[in-house]
Amino acid sequence: MRLRVLQSFSGAIGSFHEGQVFEIQDLNVAQNLINSGYAVEVESCPTCGSTIDK
């Protein structure tokens, strides 16, 4: 799953800054970040290739 950071945070998985996009394998951690408002899931736009919010 790819996530984009909405607000900077540091945790057991590392330090991330606002706007950063990263890949995460642990879906439980990813869901917690999304539910807490720290990140949003993103995907690649099929036509332009840009990263967009899912």
PDB file of N, CA and C in Angstrom:
ATOM      1  N   MET A   1       0.857  -1.175   0.000  1.00  0.00           N
ATOM      2  CA  MET A   1       0.000   0.000   0.000  1.00  0.00           C
ATOM      3  C   MET A   1       0.900   1.235   0.000  1.00  0.00           C
ATOM      4  N   ARG A   2       0.519   2.241  -0.787  1.00  0.00           N
ATOM      5  CA  ARG A   2       1.266   3.494  -0.807  1.00  0.00           C
ATOM      6  C   ARG A   2       0.471   4.556  -0.059  1.00  0.00           C
ATOM      7  N   LEU A   3       1.181   5.290   0.798  1.00  0.00           N
ATOM      8  CA  LEU A   3       0.557   6.339   1.595  1.00  0.00           C
ATOM      9  C   LEU A   3       1.255   7.672   1.361  1.00  0.00           C
ATOM     10  N   ARG A   4       0.492   8.758   1.497  1.00  0.00           N
ATOM     11  CA  ARG A   4       1.044  10.113   1.479  1.00  0.00           C
ATOM     12  C   ARG A   4       0.817  10.701   2.858  1.00  0.00           C
ATOM     13  N   VAL A   5       1.872  11.248   3.430  1.00  0.00           N
ATOM     14  CA  VAL A   5       1.820  11.798   4.789  1.00  0.00           C
ATOM     15  C   VAL A   5       1.076  13.139   4.778  1.00  0.00           C
ATOM     16  N   LEU A   6       0.084  13.261   5.664  1.00  0.00           N
ATOM     17  CA  LEU A   6      -0.688  14.499   5.786  1.00  0.00           C
ATOM     18  C   LEU A   6      -0.102  15.424   6.845  1.00  0.00           C
ATOM     19  N   GLN A   7       0.489  14.837   7.877  1.00  0.00           N
ATOM     20  CA  GLN A   7       1.168  15.621   8.907  1.00  0.00           C
ATOM     21  C   GLN A   7       2.361  14.814   9.398  1.00  0.00           C
ATOM     22  N   SER A   8       3.463  15.496   9.593  1.00  0.00           N
ATOM     23  CA  SER A   8       4.720  14.840   9.969  1.00  0.00           C
ATOM     24  C   SER A   8       4.552  14.031  11.250  1.00  0.00           C
ATOM     25  N   PHE A   9       5.250  12.889  11.307  1.00  0.00           N
ATOM     26  CA  PHE A   9       5.216  12.048  12.498  1.00  0.00           C
ATOM     27  C   PHE A   9       6.465  11.181  12.551  1.00  0.00           C
ATOM     28  N   SER A  10       6.762  10.700  13.747  1.00  0.00           N
ATOM     29  CA  SER A  10       7.843   9.742  13.965  1.00  0.00           C
ATOM     30  C   SER A  10       7.270   8.583  14.761  1.00  0.00           C
ATOM     31  N   GLY A  11       7.737   7.388  14.444  1.00  0.00           N
ATOM     32  CA  GLY A  11       7.239   6.221  15.160  1.00  0.00           C
ATOM     33  C   GLY A  11       8.161   5.040  14.952  1.00  0.00           C
ATOM     34  N   ALA A  12       7.653   3.877  15.286  1.00  0.00           N
ATOM     35  CA  ALA A  12       8.443   2.651  15.177  1.00  0.00           C
ATOM     36  C   ALA A  12       8.852   2.366  13.734  1.00  0.00           C
ATOM     37  N   ILE A  13       8.072   2.870  12.768  1.00  0.00           N
ATOM     38  CA  ILE A  13       8.390   2.605  11.363  1.00  0.00           C
ATOM     39  C   ILE A  13       9.287   3.677  10.754  1.00  0.00           C
ATOM     40  N   GLY A  14       9.625   4.706  11.535  1.00  0.00           N
ATOM     41  CA  GLY A  14      10.527   5.744  11.048  1.00  0.00           C
ATOM     42  C   GLY A  14       9.947   7.133  11.190  1.00  0.00           C
ATOM     43  N   SER A  15      10.656   8.116  10.612  1.00  0.00           N
ATOM     44  CA  SER A  15      10.211   9.508  10.628  1.00  0.00           C
ATOM     45  C   SER A  15       9.758   9.897   9.229  1.00  0.00           C
ATOM     46  N   PHE A  16       8.630  10.561   9.148  1.00  0.00           N
ATOM     47  CA  PHE A  16       8.048  10.930   7.863  1.00  0.00           C
ATOM     48  C   PHE A  16       7.617  12.388   7.904  1.00  0.00           C
ATOM     49  N   HIS A  17       7.774  13.076   6.777  1.00  0.00           N
ATOM     50  CA  HIS A  17       7.414  14.492   6.727  1.00  0.00           C
ATOM     51  C   HIS A  17       6.209  14.697   5.827  1.00  0.00           C
ATOM     52  N   GLU A  18       5.503  15.780   6.066  1.00  0.00           N
ATOM     53  CA  GLU A  18       4.297  16.111   5.320  1.00  0.00           C
ATOM     54  C   GLU A  18       4.558  16.081   3.817  1.00  0.00           C
ATOM     55  N   GLY A  19       3.689  15.415   3.077  1.00  0.00           N
ATOM     56  CA  GLY A  19       3.792  15.333   1.632  1.00  0.00           C
ATOM     57  C   GLY A  19       4.576  14.135   1.123  1.00  0.00           C
ATOM     58  N   GLN A  20       5.314  13.475   2.004  1.00  0.00           N
ATOM     59  CA  GLN A  20       6.121  12.315   1.603  1.00  0.00           C
ATOM     60  C   GLN A  20       5.214  11.151   1.216  1.00  0.00           C
ATOM     61  N   VAL A  21       5.581  10.429   0.157  1.00  0.00           N
ATOM     62  CA  VAL A  21       4.867   9.225  -0.263  1.00  0.00           C
ATOM     63  C   VAL A  21       5.779   8.037   0.026  1.00  0.00           C
ATOM     64  N   PHE A  22       5.229   7.008   0.654  1.00  0.00           N
ATOM     65  CA  PHE A  22       6.034   5.829   0.962  1.00  0.00           C
ATOM     66  C   PHE A  22       5.203   4.564   0.840  1.00  0.00           C
ATOM     67  N   GLU A  23       5.899   3.449   0.679  1.00  0.00           N
ATOM     68  CA  GLU A  23       5.284   2.126   0.566  1.00  0.00           C
ATOM     69  C   GLU A  23       5.286   1.481   1.940  1.00  0.00           C
ATOM     70  N   ILE A  24       4.175   0.862   2.311  1.00  0.00           N
ATOM     71  CA  ILE A  24       4.084   0.171   3.598  1.00  0.00           C
ATOM     72  C   ILE A  24       3.444  -1.198   3.373  1.00  0.00           C
ATOM     73  N   GLN A  25       4.027  -2.214   3.987  1.00  0.00           N
ATOM     74  CA  GLN A  25       3.533  -3.586   3.834  1.00  0.00           C
ATOM     75  C   GLN A  25       2.551  -3.978   4.939  1.00  0.00           C
ATOM     76  N   ASP A  26       2.708  -3.383   6.123  1.00  0.00           N
ATOM     77  CA  ASP A  26       1.868  -3.738   7.268  1.00  0.00           C
ATOM     78  C   ASP A  26       0.526  -2.996   7.160  1.00  0.00           C
ATOM     79  N   LEU A  27      -0.503  -3.709   6.732  1.00  0.00           N
ATOM     80  CA  LEU A  27      -1.803  -3.073   6.499  1.00  0.00           C
ATOM     81  C   LEU A  27      -2.456  -2.576   7.786  1.00  0.00           C
ATOM     82  N   ASN A  28      -2.164  -3.214   8.925  1.00  0.00           N
ATOM     83  CA  ASN A  28      -2.715  -2.743  10.196  1.00  0.00           C
ATOM     84  C   ASN A  28      -2.144  -1.375  10.565  1.00  0.00           C
ATOM     85  N   VAL A  29      -0.831  -1.218  10.412  1.00  0.00           N
ATOM     86  CA  VAL A  29      -0.193   0.068  10.692  1.00  0.00           C
ATOM     87  C   VAL A  29      -0.706   1.114   9.712  1.00  0.00           C
ATOM     88  N   ALA A  30      -0.811   0.746   8.436  1.00  0.00           N
ATOM     89  CA  ALA A  30      -1.308   1.679   7.415  1.00  0.00           C
ATOM     90  C   ALA A  30      -2.713   2.160   7.771  1.00  0.00           C
ATOM     91  N   GLN A  31      -3.586   1.246   8.163  1.00  0.00           N
ATOM     92  CA  GLN A  31      -4.961   1.614   8.506  1.00  0.00           C
ATOM     93  C   GLN A  31      -4.994   2.515   9.728  1.00  0.00           C
ATOM     94  N   ASN A  32      -4.124   2.256  10.694  1.00  0.00           N
ATOM     95  CA  ASN A  32      -4.050   3.110  11.888  1.00  0.00           C
ATOM     96  C   ASN A  32      -3.610   4.527  11.516  1.00  0.00           C
ATOM     97  N   LEU A  33      -2.626   4.647  10.612  1.00  0.00           N
ATOM     98  CA  LEU A  33      -2.161   5.971  10.173  1.00  0.00           C
ATOM     99  C   LEU A  33      -3.277   6.723   9.452  1.00  0.00           C
ATOM    100  N   ILE A  34      -4.028   6.013   8.606  1.00  0.00           N
ATOM    101  CA  ILE A  34      -5.136   6.632   7.871  1.00  0.00           C
ATOM    102  C   ILE A  34      -6.230   7.065   8.847  1.00  0.00           C
ATOM    103  N   ASN A  35      -6.612   6.159   9.750  1.00  0.00           N
ATOM    104  CA  ASN A  35      -7.689   6.454  10.711  1.00  0.00           C
ATOM    105  C   ASN A  35      -7.318   7.587  11.663  1.00  0.00           C
ATOM    106  N   SER A  36      -6.024   7.736  11.953  1.00  0.00           N
ATOM    107  CA  SER A  36      -5.557   8.788  12.858  1.00  0.00           C
ATOM    108  C   SER A  36      -5.353  10.125  12.151  1.00  0.00           C
ATOM    109  N   GLY A  37      -5.499  10.137  10.830  1.00  0.00           N
ATOM    110  CA  GLY A  37      -5.347  11.384  10.087  1.00  0.00           C
ATOM    111  C   GLY A  37      -3.917  11.744   9.742  1.00  0.00           C
ATOM    112  N   TYR A  38      -2.997  10.795   9.906  1.00  0.00           N
ATOM    113  CA  TYR A  38      -1.597  11.075   9.592  1.00  0.00           C
ATOM    114  C   TYR A  38      -1.269  10.832   8.123  1.00  0.00           C
ATOM    115  N   ALA A  39      -2.061  10.004   7.453  1.00  0.00           N
ATOM    116  CA  ALA A  39      -1.740   9.643   6.075  1.00  0.00           C
ATOM    117  C   ALA A  39      -3.013   9.324   5.302  1.00  0.00           C
ATOM    118  N   VAL A  40      -2.878   9.293   3.968  1.00  0.00           N
ATOM    119  CA  VAL A  40      -3.973   8.912   3.085  1.00  0.00           C
ATOM    120  C   VAL A  40      -3.403   7.960   2.037  1.00  0.00           C
ATOM    121  N   GLU A  41      -4.210   6.979   1.623  1.00  0.00           N
ATOM    122  CA  GLU A  41      -3.756   6.033   0.610  1.00  0.00           C
ATOM    123  C   GLU A  41      -3.714   6.726  -0.750  1.00  0.00           C
ATOM    124  N   VAL A  42      -2.685   6.418  -1.519  1.00  0.00           N
ATOM    125  CA  VAL A  42      -2.543   6.992  -2.859  1.00  0.00           C
ATOM    126  C   VAL A  42      -2.334   5.879  -3.880  1.00  0.00           C
ATOM    127  N   GLU A  43      -2.537   6.233  -5.141  1.00  0.00           N
ATOM    128  CA  GLU A  43      -2.311   5.323  -6.253  1.00  0.00           C
ATOM    129  C   GLU A  43      -1.790   6.124  -7.435  1.00  0.00           C
ATOM    130  N   SER A  44      -1.318   5.435  -8.457  1.00  0.00           N
ATOM    131  CA  SER A  44      -0.849   6.119  -9.657  1.00  0.00           C
ATOM    132  C   SER A  44      -2.022   6.324 -10.604  1.00  0.00           C
ATOM    133  N   CYS A  45      -2.132   7.521 -11.154  1.00  0.00           N
ATOM    134  CA  CYS A  45      -3.175   7.832 -12.122  1.00  0.00           C
ATOM    135  C   CYS A  45      -2.932   6.981 -13.376  1.00  0.00           C
ATOM    136  N   PRO A  46      -3.944   6.243 -13.836  1.00  0.00           N
ATOM    137  CA  PRO A  46      -3.747   5.360 -14.983  1.00  0.00           C
ATOM    138  C   PRO A  46      -3.445   6.105 -16.291  1.00  0.00           C
ATOM    139  N   THR A  47      -3.886   7.348 -16.415  1.00  0.00           N
ATOM    140  CA  THR A  47      -3.656   8.075 -17.664  1.00  0.00           C
ATOM    141  C   THR A  47      -2.413   8.959 -17.637  1.00  0.00           C
ATOM    142  N   CYS A  48      -2.146   9.599 -16.504  1.00  0.00           N
ATOM    143  CA  CYS A  48      -1.011  10.548 -16.478  1.00  0.00           C
ATOM    144  C   CYS A  48       0.191  10.047 -15.680  1.00  0.00           C
ATOM    145  N   GLY A  49      -0.006   9.006 -14.842  1.00  0.00           N
ATOM    146  CA  GLY A  49       1.100   8.456 -14.067  1.00  0.00           C
ATOM    147  C   GLY A  49       1.417   9.210 -12.784  1.00  0.00           C
ATOM    148  N   SER A  50       0.716  10.316 -12.531  1.00  0.00           N
ATOM    149  CA  SER A  50       0.950  11.087 -11.300  1.00  0.00           C
ATOM    150  C   SER A  50       0.375  10.331 -10.100  1.00  0.00           C
ATOM    151  N   THR A  51       0.875  10.653  -8.915  1.00  0.00           N
ATOM    152  CA  THR A  51       0.364  10.073  -7.684  1.00  0.00           C
ATOM    153  C   THR A  51      -0.865  10.850  -7.255  1.00  0.00           C
ATOM    154  N   ILE A  52      -1.981  10.152  -7.058  1.00  0.00           N
ATOM    155  CA  ILE A  52      -3.233  10.792  -6.662  1.00  0.00           C
ATOM    156  C   ILE A  52      -3.796  10.093  -5.431  1.00  0.00           C
ATOM    157  N   ASP A  53      -4.585  10.822  -4.641  1.00  0.00           N
ATOM    158  CA  ASP A  53      -5.239  10.228  -3.475  1.00  0.00           C
ATOM    159  C   ASP A  53      -6.265   9.211  -3.960  1.00  0.00           C
ATOM    160  N   LYS A  54      -6.352   8.113  -3.234  1.00  0.00           N
ATOM    161  CA  LYS A  54      -7.269   7.036  -3.611  1.00  0.00           C
ATOM    162  C   LYS A  54      -8.638   7.289  -3.026  1.00  0.00           C
TER     163      LYS A  54
END
